[in-house]
Amino acid sequence: MAAYGESASGLLIIERILRDRESIWRQIGQERDLGKLTKQMLYSSVVALACYGAVLGASSSVAQAALSAVKLPLLFLMTLAICLPTLYLFNLVFGARLQVRQALALVMVTITVTSALALAFAPISLFFLITAFSYSFYKILNVAILTLTAFVGLRFLTSGMRALNEHTTALAAARRAEREREEAAAAATPDDAEPVPVSAVPISPAPSPVPVPAAPVPGAAEPQRASNGLVATVVTPPLPPAPPLLMPDGRLAYPMPRPAPPPRPQLAPGERPASMTLLNVWILLFGFVGTQLAWTLRPFVGSPGEPFEVFRKIEGNFYVNIVQAIGDLFT
């Protein structure tokens, strides 16, 4: 699987993300060939979004289909360009180690998954366009498809950020352990210590042992001399622990000590993982920017009763228009 993951390119990158996403997270965490990986995801996303955009605009005319094929990839890339600096700078403010290339690769994974799933829904959208076309229904259907695919893509973003945090924590722990070993080795063998020659150390005969009577200690070795002059060692078993005292209602008379929790790893400011709360806030910001930008770049789904337009006059907002479209289905 690793060999396949390294050789996957172009449109096959989506298959690698779905089949072997752990290798993607490792590659992003190790910052290995991120430029090549990002280019592969960019190429795959642009092609998939262009195909789905052509299906969106096919409800009006060929010109609208061609224009939507350009607008839809532009929508996602412009949203990325607007929101990526916020994600990167906020992580720097909170002391995370996330690099700008890692942040770009993570968000590109989200866009790649979203675009691939949208392309998979394209035949369903085209089916309703051919068999039962209604402008309001077709618009709501495609908004629902893009919302669902974006939700799945953002789940990949949160999963990748957690994997990257685990990689950062493990890397920081390994570096801290290496520093501790180096400090311990330096303390054990100081540089200014001079070795003492063995011949200069006086060797004195070992003193003969003097027997000292002592009281036997439970659990300690007690020497005993046998009749033949040999010394035998008898180990006295330790005393059993005293049973806990109980109250009349069956409770313990004194609380049992609880084991101390393991110490939490303390990370340096440059080794802290990214904040998941901050990521969730950024996801909401990404969604609001994307929907407002889509409203600015409309039309994507051309209305059959209106002339061809590259951009429409900005009026109202995206959410009010969707509510009106839902109301038109029941009138």
Protein backbone atom coordinates (compact mmCIF):
# COMPACT_ATOMS: atom_id res chain seq x y z
CA MET A 1 0.00 0.00 0.00
CA ALA A 2 2.89 2.35 0.70
CA ALA A 3 4.33 1.79 -2.76
CA TYR A 4 0.94 2.44 -4.33
CA GLY A 5 0.54 5.60 -2.24
CA GLU A 6 3.86 7.03 -3.35
CA SER A 7 3.17 6.31 -7.03
CA ALA A 8 -0.42 7.61 -7.13
CA SER A 9 -0.76 10.84 -9.09
CA GLY A 10 -3.28 13.03 -10.85
CA LEU A 11 -6.86 11.87 -10.57
CA LEU A 12 -5.76 8.75 -8.65
CA ILE A 13 -4.89 10.88 -5.64
CA ILE A 14 -8.53 10.74 -4.48
CA GLU A 15 -8.32 6.94 -4.40
CA ARG A 16 -5.20 7.15 -2.26
CA ILE A 17 -6.92 9.57 0.14
CA LEU A 18 -9.93 7.29 0.53
CA ARG A 19 -8.03 4.00 0.72
CA ASP A 20 -4.86 4.95 2.60
CA ARG A 21 -5.53 8.23 4.37
CA GLU A 22 -3.05 7.37 7.15
CA SER A 23 -0.18 7.63 4.67
CA ILE A 24 -1.48 11.07 3.65
CA TRP A 25 -1.47 12.24 7.28
CA ARG A 26 2.05 10.88 7.80
CA GLN A 27 3.29 12.60 4.66
CA ILE A 28 1.79 15.92 5.75
CA GLY A 29 3.13 15.51 9.28
CA GLN A 30 6.65 14.76 8.00
CA GLU A 31 6.40 17.60 5.42
CA ARG A 32 7.57 15.20 2.72
CA ASP A 33 6.90 16.13 -0.96
CA LEU A 34 4.05 18.45 0.02
CA GLY A 35 4.47 20.50 -3.15
CA LYS A 36 3.89 17.47 -5.36
CA LEU A 37 1.00 16.25 -3.22
CA THR A 38 -0.71 19.65 -3.29
CA LYS A 39 -0.36 19.90 -7.09
CA GLN A 40 -1.93 16.45 -7.53
CA MET A 41 -4.89 17.38 -5.34
CA LEU A 42 -5.27 20.74 -7.11
CA TYR A 43 -5.37 19.11 -10.53
CA SER A 44 -7.86 16.47 -9.40
CA SER A 45 -10.12 19.03 -7.71
CA VAL A 46 -10.21 21.43 -10.66
CA VAL A 47 -11.15 18.68 -13.11
CA ALA A 48 -13.86 17.23 -10.87
CA LEU A 49 -15.39 20.61 -10.00
CA ALA A 50 -15.33 21.70 -13.65
CA CYS A 51 -17.29 18.60 -14.66
CA TYR A 52 -19.86 19.15 -11.93
CA GLY A 53 -20.10 22.85 -12.77
CA ALA A 54 -20.91 21.96 -16.37
CA VAL A 55 -23.81 19.84 -15.12
CA LEU A 56 -25.05 22.77 -13.02
CA GLY A 57 -25.08 25.18 -15.95
CA ALA A 58 -26.58 22.68 -18.38
CA SER A 59 -30.04 23.65 -17.15
CA SER A 60 -29.84 26.92 -19.10
CA SER A 61 -27.52 26.79 -22.14
CA VAL A 62 -24.18 25.56 -23.40
CA ALA A 63 -22.61 28.94 -22.63
CA GLN A 64 -23.88 28.78 -19.06
CA ALA A 65 -22.51 25.23 -18.69
CA ALA A 66 -19.06 26.36 -19.87
CA LEU A 67 -19.14 29.38 -17.57
CA SER A 68 -20.19 27.31 -14.54
CA ALA A 69 -17.38 24.85 -15.31
CA VAL A 70 -14.97 27.75 -14.74
CA LYS A 71 -16.82 29.38 -11.85
CA LEU A 72 -17.16 26.36 -9.56
CA PRO A 73 -13.41 25.58 -9.26
CA LEU A 74 -12.78 29.32 -8.93
CA LEU A 75 -15.27 29.47 -6.05
CA PHE A 76 -13.44 26.84 -3.99
CA LEU A 77 -9.96 28.21 -4.74
CA MET A 78 -10.95 31.79 -3.88
CA THR A 79 -12.53 30.61 -0.61
CA LEU A 80 -9.29 28.78 0.18
CA ALA A 81 -7.19 31.87 -0.58
CA ILE A 82 -9.39 34.03 1.67
CA CYS A 83 -9.54 31.66 4.67
CA LEU A 84 -6.13 29.93 4.67
CA PRO A 85 -4.18 32.88 6.19
CA THR A 86 -6.65 32.98 9.09
CA LEU A 87 -6.11 29.28 9.86
CA TYR A 88 -2.34 29.58 9.70
CA LEU A 89 -1.97 32.82 11.69
CA PHE A 90 -4.41 31.77 14.42
CA ASN A 91 -2.42 28.58 14.96
CA LEU A 92 0.75 30.66 15.27
CA VAL A 93 -0.92 32.93 17.82
CA PHE A 94 -1.83 29.93 19.99
CA GLY A 95 1.68 28.47 19.70
CA ALA A 96 0.97 25.57 17.33
CA ARG A 97 3.67 24.09 15.12
CA LEU A 98 1.47 23.94 11.99
CA GLN A 99 3.37 25.10 8.91
CA VAL A 100 1.70 26.97 6.06
CA ARG A 101 2.38 24.10 3.63
CA GLN A 102 0.79 21.65 6.07
CA ALA A 103 -2.29 23.86 6.47
CA LEU A 104 -2.60 24.17 2.68
CA ALA A 105 -2.28 20.41 2.19
CA LEU A 106 -4.92 19.69 4.85
CA VAL A 107 -7.44 22.08 3.31
CA MET A 108 -6.68 20.71 -0.16
CA VAL A 109 -7.55 17.23 1.12
CA THR A 110 -10.94 18.66 2.11
CA ILE A 111 -11.51 20.24 -1.30
CA THR A 112 -10.35 17.09 -3.12
CA VAL A 113 -12.75 14.85 -1.20
CA THR A 114 -15.60 17.35 -1.69
CA SER A 115 -15.00 17.66 -5.43
CA ALA A 116 -14.71 13.89 -5.95
CA LEU A 117 -17.97 13.23 -4.11
CA ALA A 118 -19.70 16.04 -6.03
CA LEU A 119 -18.55 14.44 -9.30
CA ALA A 120 -19.98 11.13 -8.08
CA PHE A 121 -23.37 12.87 -7.58
CA ALA A 122 -23.25 14.45 -11.06
CA PRO A 123 -25.16 11.58 -12.79
CA ILE A 124 -27.97 11.92 -10.22
CA SER A 125 -28.20 15.67 -10.82
CA LEU A 126 -28.16 15.12 -14.58
CA PHE A 127 -30.89 12.49 -14.25
CA PHE A 128 -33.29 14.91 -12.55
CA LEU A 129 -32.37 17.60 -15.09
CA ILE A 130 -33.45 15.34 -17.96
CA THR A 131 -36.47 13.57 -16.50
CA ALA A 132 -38.20 16.08 -14.19
CA PHE A 133 -36.72 19.54 -14.51
CA SER A 134 -37.88 22.24 -12.12
CA TYR A 135 -35.62 25.23 -11.59
CA SER A 136 -36.33 25.57 -7.87
CA PHE A 137 -36.03 21.82 -7.22
CA TYR A 138 -32.86 21.56 -9.31
CA LYS A 139 -31.24 24.43 -7.44
CA ILE A 140 -32.14 23.00 -4.02
CA LEU A 141 -30.98 19.54 -5.08
CA ASN A 142 -27.52 20.77 -6.06
CA VAL A 143 -27.19 22.94 -2.96
CA ALA A 144 -27.97 19.85 -0.87
CA ILE A 145 -25.40 17.80 -2.80
CA LEU A 146 -22.67 20.39 -2.31
CA THR A 147 -23.55 20.79 1.38
CA LEU A 148 -23.38 17.04 1.98
CA THR A 149 -20.09 16.62 0.12
CA ALA A 150 -18.57 19.62 1.91
CA PHE A 151 -19.60 18.16 5.28
CA VAL A 152 -17.83 14.88 4.45
CA GLY A 153 -14.76 16.76 3.23
CA LEU A 154 -14.58 18.79 6.45
CA ARG A 155 -14.71 15.56 8.45
CA PHE A 156 -11.51 14.60 6.66
CA LEU A 157 -10.03 17.95 7.71
CA THR A 158 -10.73 17.35 11.40
CA SER A 159 -9.45 13.77 11.15
CA GLY A 160 -6.24 14.95 9.50
CA MET A 161 -5.72 17.67 12.11
CA ARG A 162 -6.07 15.13 14.93
CA ALA A 163 -3.56 12.82 13.25
CA LEU A 164 -1.19 15.75 12.79
CA ASN A 165 -1.56 16.67 16.48
CA GLU A 166 -0.68 13.10 17.49
CA HIS A 167 2.39 13.25 15.24
CA THR A 168 3.43 16.59 16.77
CA THR A 169 3.01 15.29 20.33
CA ALA A 170 4.97 12.10 19.61
CA LEU A 171 7.74 14.07 17.89
CA ALA A 172 7.98 16.50 20.82
CA ALA A 173 8.13 13.62 23.32
CA ALA A 174 10.92 11.95 21.32
CA ARG A 175 12.90 15.19 21.23
CA ARG A 176 12.43 15.73 24.97
CA ALA A 177 13.56 12.17 25.74
CA GLU A 178 16.63 12.65 23.54
CA ARG A 179 17.52 15.87 25.38
CA GLU A 180 17.13 14.16 28.74
CA ARG A 181 19.43 11.33 27.66
CA GLU A 182 22.03 13.80 26.45
CA GLU A 183 21.86 15.79 29.71
CA ALA A 184 22.14 12.62 31.79
CA ALA A 185 25.15 11.46 29.77
CA ALA A 186 26.81 14.88 30.13
CA ALA A 187 26.22 14.88 33.89
CA ALA A 188 27.63 11.35 34.29
CA THR A 189 30.84 12.08 32.34
CA PRO A 190 31.89 15.75 32.83
CA ASP A 191 34.43 17.06 30.37
CA ASP A 192 36.79 18.51 33.06
CA ALA A 193 37.17 15.25 34.98
CA GLU A 194 40.63 13.67 34.67
CA PRO A 195 40.96 9.89 34.87
CA VAL A 196 42.93 8.63 37.91
CA PRO A 197 45.59 6.01 37.07
CA VAL A 198 44.91 2.63 38.56
CA SER A 199 48.46 2.27 39.91
CA ALA A 200 48.03 5.43 42.04
CA VAL A 201 45.03 4.07 43.93
CA PRO A 202 46.15 2.29 47.14
CA ILE A 203 44.69 -1.14 47.59
CA SER A 204 44.13 -2.17 51.20
CA PRO A 205 43.15 -5.62 52.36
CA ALA A 206 39.47 -6.10 53.00
CA PRO A 207 38.56 -6.08 56.68
CA SER A 208 37.36 -9.32 58.16
CA PRO A 209 33.62 -9.35 58.91
CA VAL A 210 32.62 -8.97 62.54
CA PRO A 211 29.38 -10.70 63.51
CA VAL A 212 26.89 -8.29 65.04
CA PRO A 213 23.76 -9.76 66.58
CA ALA A 214 20.59 -8.06 65.48
CA ALA A 215 16.91 -8.63 65.86
CA PRO A 216 15.30 -10.46 62.98
CA VAL A 217 13.39 -8.22 60.54
CA PRO A 218 10.34 -9.70 58.78
CA GLY A 219 11.06 -10.26 55.12
CA ALA A 220 14.85 -9.91 55.59
CA ALA A 221 17.51 -12.60 55.30
CA GLU A 222 18.52 -14.00 58.73
CA PRO A 223 21.91 -15.85 58.79
CA GLN A 224 22.08 -19.06 60.87
CA ARG A 225 25.15 -21.24 61.52
CA ALA A 226 24.74 -24.99 61.13
CA SER A 227 26.53 -27.71 63.15
CA ASN A 228 29.07 -28.31 60.36
CA GLY A 229 30.23 -24.69 60.38
CA LEU A 230 28.33 -23.60 57.25
CA VAL A 231 26.14 -20.54 57.32
CA ALA A 232 22.58 -20.95 56.07
CA THR A 233 20.35 -18.00 55.13
CA VAL A 234 16.71 -18.20 56.16
CA VAL A 235 14.28 -15.64 54.74
CA THR A 236 11.52 -14.69 57.13
CA PRO A 237 8.25 -14.08 55.21
CA PRO A 238 6.86 -10.54 55.47
CA LEU A 239 3.91 -9.86 57.67
CA PRO A 240 0.53 -9.75 55.87
CA PRO A 241 -1.04 -6.30 55.52
CA ALA A 242 -3.56 -5.35 58.12
CA PRO A 243 -7.18 -5.61 56.92
CA PRO A 244 -9.00 -2.27 56.39
CA LEU A 245 -11.28 -1.13 59.17
CA LEU A 246 -14.97 -1.07 58.30
CA MET A 247 -17.75 1.11 59.64
CA PRO A 248 -21.02 -0.45 60.87
CA ASP A 249 -22.67 0.45 57.54
CA GLY A 250 -19.94 -1.35 55.58
CA ARG A 251 -17.95 1.72 54.49
CA LEU A 252 -14.22 2.02 54.95
CA ALA A 253 -13.11 3.77 58.15
CA TYR A 254 -10.48 5.68 56.22
CA PRO A 255 -10.30 6.46 52.48
CA MET A 256 -7.99 4.34 50.38
CA PRO A 257 -5.27 6.36 48.63
CA ARG A 258 -5.84 6.80 44.91
CA PRO A 259 -2.98 6.32 42.48
CA ALA A 260 -1.55 9.57 41.21
CA PRO A 261 -2.49 10.33 37.58
CA PRO A 262 0.36 10.18 35.08
CA PRO A 263 1.93 13.57 34.39
CA ARG A 264 0.70 15.30 31.26
CA PRO A 265 3.37 16.06 28.70
CA GLN A 266 4.48 19.68 28.71
CA LEU A 267 5.16 20.89 25.19
CA ALA A 268 7.26 23.84 24.20
CA PRO A 269 5.53 26.80 22.47
CA GLY A 270 6.79 25.63 19.07
CA GLU A 271 5.67 22.05 19.67
CA ARG A 272 2.03 22.54 20.69
CA PRO A 273 -0.68 20.80 18.64
CA ALA A 274 -3.27 22.79 16.75
CA SER A 275 -6.45 23.71 18.63
CA MET A 276 -9.47 21.66 17.56
CA THR A 277 -11.82 24.34 18.91
CA LEU A 278 -10.10 26.91 16.73
CA LEU A 279 -10.42 24.54 13.77
CA ASN A 280 -14.19 24.21 14.30
CA VAL A 281 -14.53 28.01 14.39
CA TRP A 282 -12.50 28.22 11.20
CA ILE A 283 -14.78 25.65 9.54
CA LEU A 284 -17.80 27.88 10.27
CA LEU A 285 -15.91 30.84 8.84
CA PHE A 286 -15.01 28.81 5.75
CA GLY A 287 -18.67 27.91 5.24
CA PHE A 288 -19.94 31.50 5.56
CA VAL A 289 -17.25 32.85 3.23
CA GLY A 290 -17.96 30.12 0.69
CA THR A 291 -21.71 30.68 0.60
CA GLN A 292 -21.38 34.46 0.35
CA LEU A 293 -18.78 34.13 -2.41
CA ALA A 294 -21.06 31.71 -4.27
CA TRP A 295 -23.84 34.28 -4.07
CA THR A 296 -21.47 36.92 -5.45
CA LEU A 297 -20.32 34.74 -8.38
CA ARG A 298 -23.79 33.54 -9.36
CA PRO A 299 -25.41 32.32 -11.54
CA PHE A 300 -24.23 28.72 -11.47
CA VAL A 301 -27.63 27.19 -12.26
CA GLY A 302 -28.97 29.30 -15.11
CA SER A 303 -32.66 30.04 -15.09
CA PRO A 304 -34.32 29.04 -18.40
CA GLY A 305 -36.46 32.19 -18.46
CA GLU A 306 -33.60 34.68 -18.04
CA PRO A 307 -30.92 35.77 -20.52
CA PHE A 308 -27.34 34.59 -20.26
CA GLU A 309 -25.34 36.56 -17.67
CA VAL A 310 -21.79 36.27 -16.46
CA PHE A 311 -22.63 37.87 -13.09
CA ARG A 312 -25.92 39.00 -11.66
CA LYS A 313 -26.63 42.10 -9.62
CA ILE A 314 -25.95 41.51 -5.94
CA GLU A 315 -29.25 41.67 -4.06
CA GLY A 316 -30.58 39.77 -1.09
CA ASN A 317 -28.45 36.91 0.26
CA PHE A 318 -27.90 33.22 -0.25
CA TYR A 319 -30.01 31.98 2.64
CA VAL A 320 -33.08 34.07 1.84
CA ASN A 321 -32.95 32.86 -1.77
CA ILE A 322 -32.82 29.20 -0.66
CA VAL A 323 -35.82 29.69 1.63
CA GLN A 324 -37.74 31.31 -1.25
CA ALA A 325 -36.82 28.40 -3.55
CA ILE A 326 -38.14 25.92 -0.97
CA GLY A 327 -41.36 27.93 -0.74
CA ASP A 328 -41.74 27.84 -4.54
CA LEU A 329 -41.84 24.02 -4.44
CA PHE A 330 -45.11 24.08 -2.49
CA THR A 331 -46.86 26.84 -4.43
